[in-house]
C-alpha atoms as a PDB file:
ATOM      1  CA  MET A   1      -0.153   0.226  -0.238  1.00  0.00           C
ATOM      2  CA  ALA A   2       1.716   3.415  -1.051  1.00  0.00           C
ATOM      3  CA  ALA A   3      -0.434   5.048   1.941  1.00  0.00           C
ATOM      4  CA  CYS A   4      -1.892   9.013   1.087  1.00  0.00           C
ATOM      5  CA  VAL A   5       1.621  11.103   0.905  1.00  0.00           C
ATOM      6  CA  LEU A   6       0.726  13.252  -1.978  1.00  0.00           C
ATOM      7  CA  SER A   7       3.730  15.786  -2.826  1.00  0.00           C
ATOM      8  CA  PRO A   8       3.987  17.829  -6.367  1.00  0.00           C
ATOM      9  CA  THR A   9       6.780  17.995  -8.219  1.00  0.00           C
ATOM     10  CA  ALA A  10       6.981  20.852 -11.099  1.00  0.00           C
ATOM     11  CA  GLY A  11       7.016  17.896 -13.494  1.00  0.00           C
ATOM     12  CA  ASP A  12       4.556  15.103 -14.258  1.00  0.00           C
ATOM     13  CA  ASP A  13       3.280  13.423 -11.268  1.00  0.00           C
ATOM     14  CA  THR A  14       1.356  10.615  -9.805  1.00  0.00           C
ATOM     15  CA  TYR A  15      -0.784   9.727  -6.794  1.00  0.00           C
ATOM     16  CA  VAL A  16      -1.809   6.859  -5.141  1.00  0.00           C
ATOM     17  CA  CYS A  17      -3.781   7.354  -1.953  1.00  0.00           C
ATOM     18  CA  ASP A  18      -5.329   3.960  -0.745  1.00  0.00           C
ATOM     19  CA  SER A  19      -4.745   3.900   3.316  1.00  0.00           C
ATOM     20  CA  GLY A  20      -3.963   6.612   5.421  1.00  0.00           C
ATOM     21  CA  THR A  21      -5.563  10.242   4.876  1.00  0.00           C
ATOM     22  CA  SER A  22      -4.145  13.016   3.595  1.00  0.00           C
ATOM     23  CA  ALA A  23      -5.225  16.626   5.380  1.00  0.00           C
ATOM     24  CA  THR A  24      -4.306  18.994   3.238  1.00  0.00           C
ATOM     25  CA  GLY A  25      -6.496  17.980  -0.212  1.00  0.00           C
ATOM     26  CA  LEU A  26      -4.249  18.460  -3.679  1.00  0.00           C
ATOM     27  CA  THR A  27      -3.414  20.875  -6.226  1.00  0.00           C
ATOM     28  CA  ASP A  28      -0.122  20.587  -8.408  1.00  0.00           C
ATOM     29  CA  LEU A  29      -0.772  23.080 -11.426  1.00  0.00           C
ATOM     30  CA  SER A  30       1.900  21.626 -13.270  1.00  0.00           C
ATOM     31  CA  GLY A  31       2.402  18.743 -15.571  1.00  0.00           C
ATOM     32  CA  ASN A  32       0.408  15.567 -16.850  1.00  0.00           C
ATOM     33  CA  ASN A  33      -0.885  13.995 -13.579  1.00  0.00           C
ATOM     34  CA  GLY A  34      -2.881  11.189 -12.073  1.00  0.00           C
ATOM     35  CA  LEU A  35      -4.370  10.282  -9.241  1.00  0.00           C
ATOM     36  CA  THR A  36      -5.417   7.287  -8.147  1.00  0.00           C
ATOM     37  CA  VAL A  37      -7.918   6.929  -4.552  1.00  0.00           C
ATOM     38  CA  SER A  38      -8.803   3.819  -3.286  1.00  0.00           C
ATOM     39  CA  GLY A  39      -8.936   1.250  -0.447  1.00  0.00           C
ATOM     40  CA  SER A  40      -9.218   3.645   2.841  1.00  0.00           C
ATOM     41  CA  GLY A  41      -7.588   6.783   0.861  1.00  0.00           C
ATOM     42  CA  LEU A  42      -9.110   9.675   2.670  1.00  0.00           C
ATOM     43  CA  ILE A  43      -7.878  13.016   1.031  1.00  0.00           C
ATOM     44  CA  GLN A  44      -9.166  15.770   3.296  1.00  0.00           C
ATOM     45  CA  GLY A  45      -9.891  19.028   0.437  1.00  0.00           C
ATOM     46  CA  ASN A  46     -10.335  19.524  -2.797  1.00  0.00           C
ATOM     47  CA  VAL A  47      -7.994  18.033  -5.413  1.00  0.00           C
ATOM     48  CA  VAL A  48      -6.931  20.420  -7.853  1.00  0.00           C
ATOM     49  CA  PHE A  49      -5.279  20.597 -11.377  1.00  0.00           C
ATOM     50  CA  ASP A  50      -4.182  22.668 -13.964  1.00  0.00           C
ATOM     51  CA  ALA A  51      -3.324  22.773 -18.089  1.00  0.00           C
ATOM     52  CA  GLY A  52      -2.071  19.016 -18.594  1.00  0.00           C
ATOM     53  CA  ASN A  53      -3.572  15.363 -19.391  1.00  0.00           C
ATOM     54  CA  ASN A  54      -4.727  14.206 -15.838  1.00  0.00           C
ATOM     55  CA  ARG A  55      -6.668  11.030 -14.808  1.00  0.00           C
ATOM     56  CA  ILE A  56      -8.409  10.642 -11.948  1.00  0.00           C
ATOM     57  CA  GLU A  57      -9.237   7.305 -10.559  1.00  0.00           C
ATOM     58  CA  ILE A  58     -11.426   6.689  -7.450  1.00  0.00           C
ATOM     59  CA  ASN A  59     -12.202   2.851  -6.576  1.00  0.00           C
ATOM     60  CA  ALA A  60     -13.566   1.195  -3.931  1.00  0.00           C
ATOM     61  CA  ASP A  61     -13.674   3.494  -0.272  1.00  0.00           C
ATOM     62  CA  GLY A  62     -11.547   6.151  -1.253  1.00  0.00           C
ATOM     63  CA  VAL A  63     -13.123   9.027  -0.775  1.00  0.00           C
ATOM     64  CA  VAL A  64     -11.610  12.963  -1.396  1.00  0.00           C
ATOM     65  CA  ASP A  65     -13.986  14.921   1.006  1.00  0.00           C
ATOM     66  CA  GLY A  66     -14.054  17.807  -1.594  1.00  0.00           C
ATOM     67  CA  ASP A  67     -14.420  18.692  -5.011  1.00  0.00           C
ATOM     68  CA  VAL A  68     -12.623  17.638  -7.678  1.00  0.00           C
ATOM     69  CA  GLU A  69     -10.981  20.545 -10.246  1.00  0.00           C
ATOM     70  CA  GLN A  70      -9.429  19.726 -13.450  1.00  0.00           C
ATOM     71  CA  GLY A  71      -7.770  21.498 -16.124  1.00  0.00           C
ATOM     72  CA  SER A  72      -8.461  22.957 -19.754  1.00  0.00           C
ATOM     73  CA  GLU A  73      -6.658  20.067 -21.485  1.00  0.00           C
ATOM     74  CA  ALA A  74      -7.813  16.670 -22.354  1.00  0.00           C
ATOM     75  CA  ASP A  75      -8.587  14.802 -18.761  1.00  0.00           C
ATOM     76  CA  GLU A  76     -10.187  11.372 -18.017  1.00  0.00           C
ATOM     77  CA  PHE A  77     -11.968  10.971 -14.509  1.00  0.00           C
ATOM     78  CA  GLU A  78     -13.321   7.236 -13.681  1.00  0.00           C
ATOM     79  CA  MET A  79     -15.623   6.576 -10.237  1.00  0.00           C
ATOM     80  CA  ASN A  80     -15.874   2.966  -9.508  1.00  0.00           C
ATOM     81  CA  GLY A  81     -17.216   3.401  -6.277  1.00  0.00           C
ATOM     82  CA  GLY A  82     -16.151   5.652  -3.048  1.00  0.00           C
ATOM     83  CA  ARG A  83     -17.293   9.630  -3.001  1.00  0.00           C
ATOM     84  CA  ILE A  84     -16.225  12.818  -3.876  1.00  0.00           C
ATOM     85  CA  LEU A  85     -18.146  16.548  -2.958  1.00  0.00           C
ATOM     86  CA  SER A  86     -17.767  17.374  -6.578  1.00  0.00           C
ATOM     87  CA  ILE A  87     -15.925  17.362  -9.806  1.00  0.00           C
ATOM     88  CA  ARG A  88     -16.357  20.434 -12.156  1.00  0.00           C
ATOM     89  CA  PRO A  89     -13.850  22.298 -14.673  1.00  0.00           C
ATOM     90  CA  LEU A  90     -10.378  24.458 -13.794  1.00  0.00           C
ATOM     91  CA  ARG A  91     -11.990  28.281 -13.138  1.00  0.00           C
ATOM     92  CA  ASN A  92      -9.613  30.259 -14.205  1.00  0.00           C
END
């Protein structure tokens, strides 16, 4: 299990939150980013990705206790269970 440590870098990032809690949400405004939330993973806050081809996947009991905002490029969102508050395009 990868726990839920979400540390953005300047380029493309892949995040996994499959157990534990991220108390601050996730904001990554550069690169092509991916996020998978599953198992008992909990992100307490918003998930915000900017321009780039981003992919977000919510599985099983994964929770984003906030809004999911994706940028203006070709993004993917897949939900196979779990919970989020809302999904919307990034507000510029």
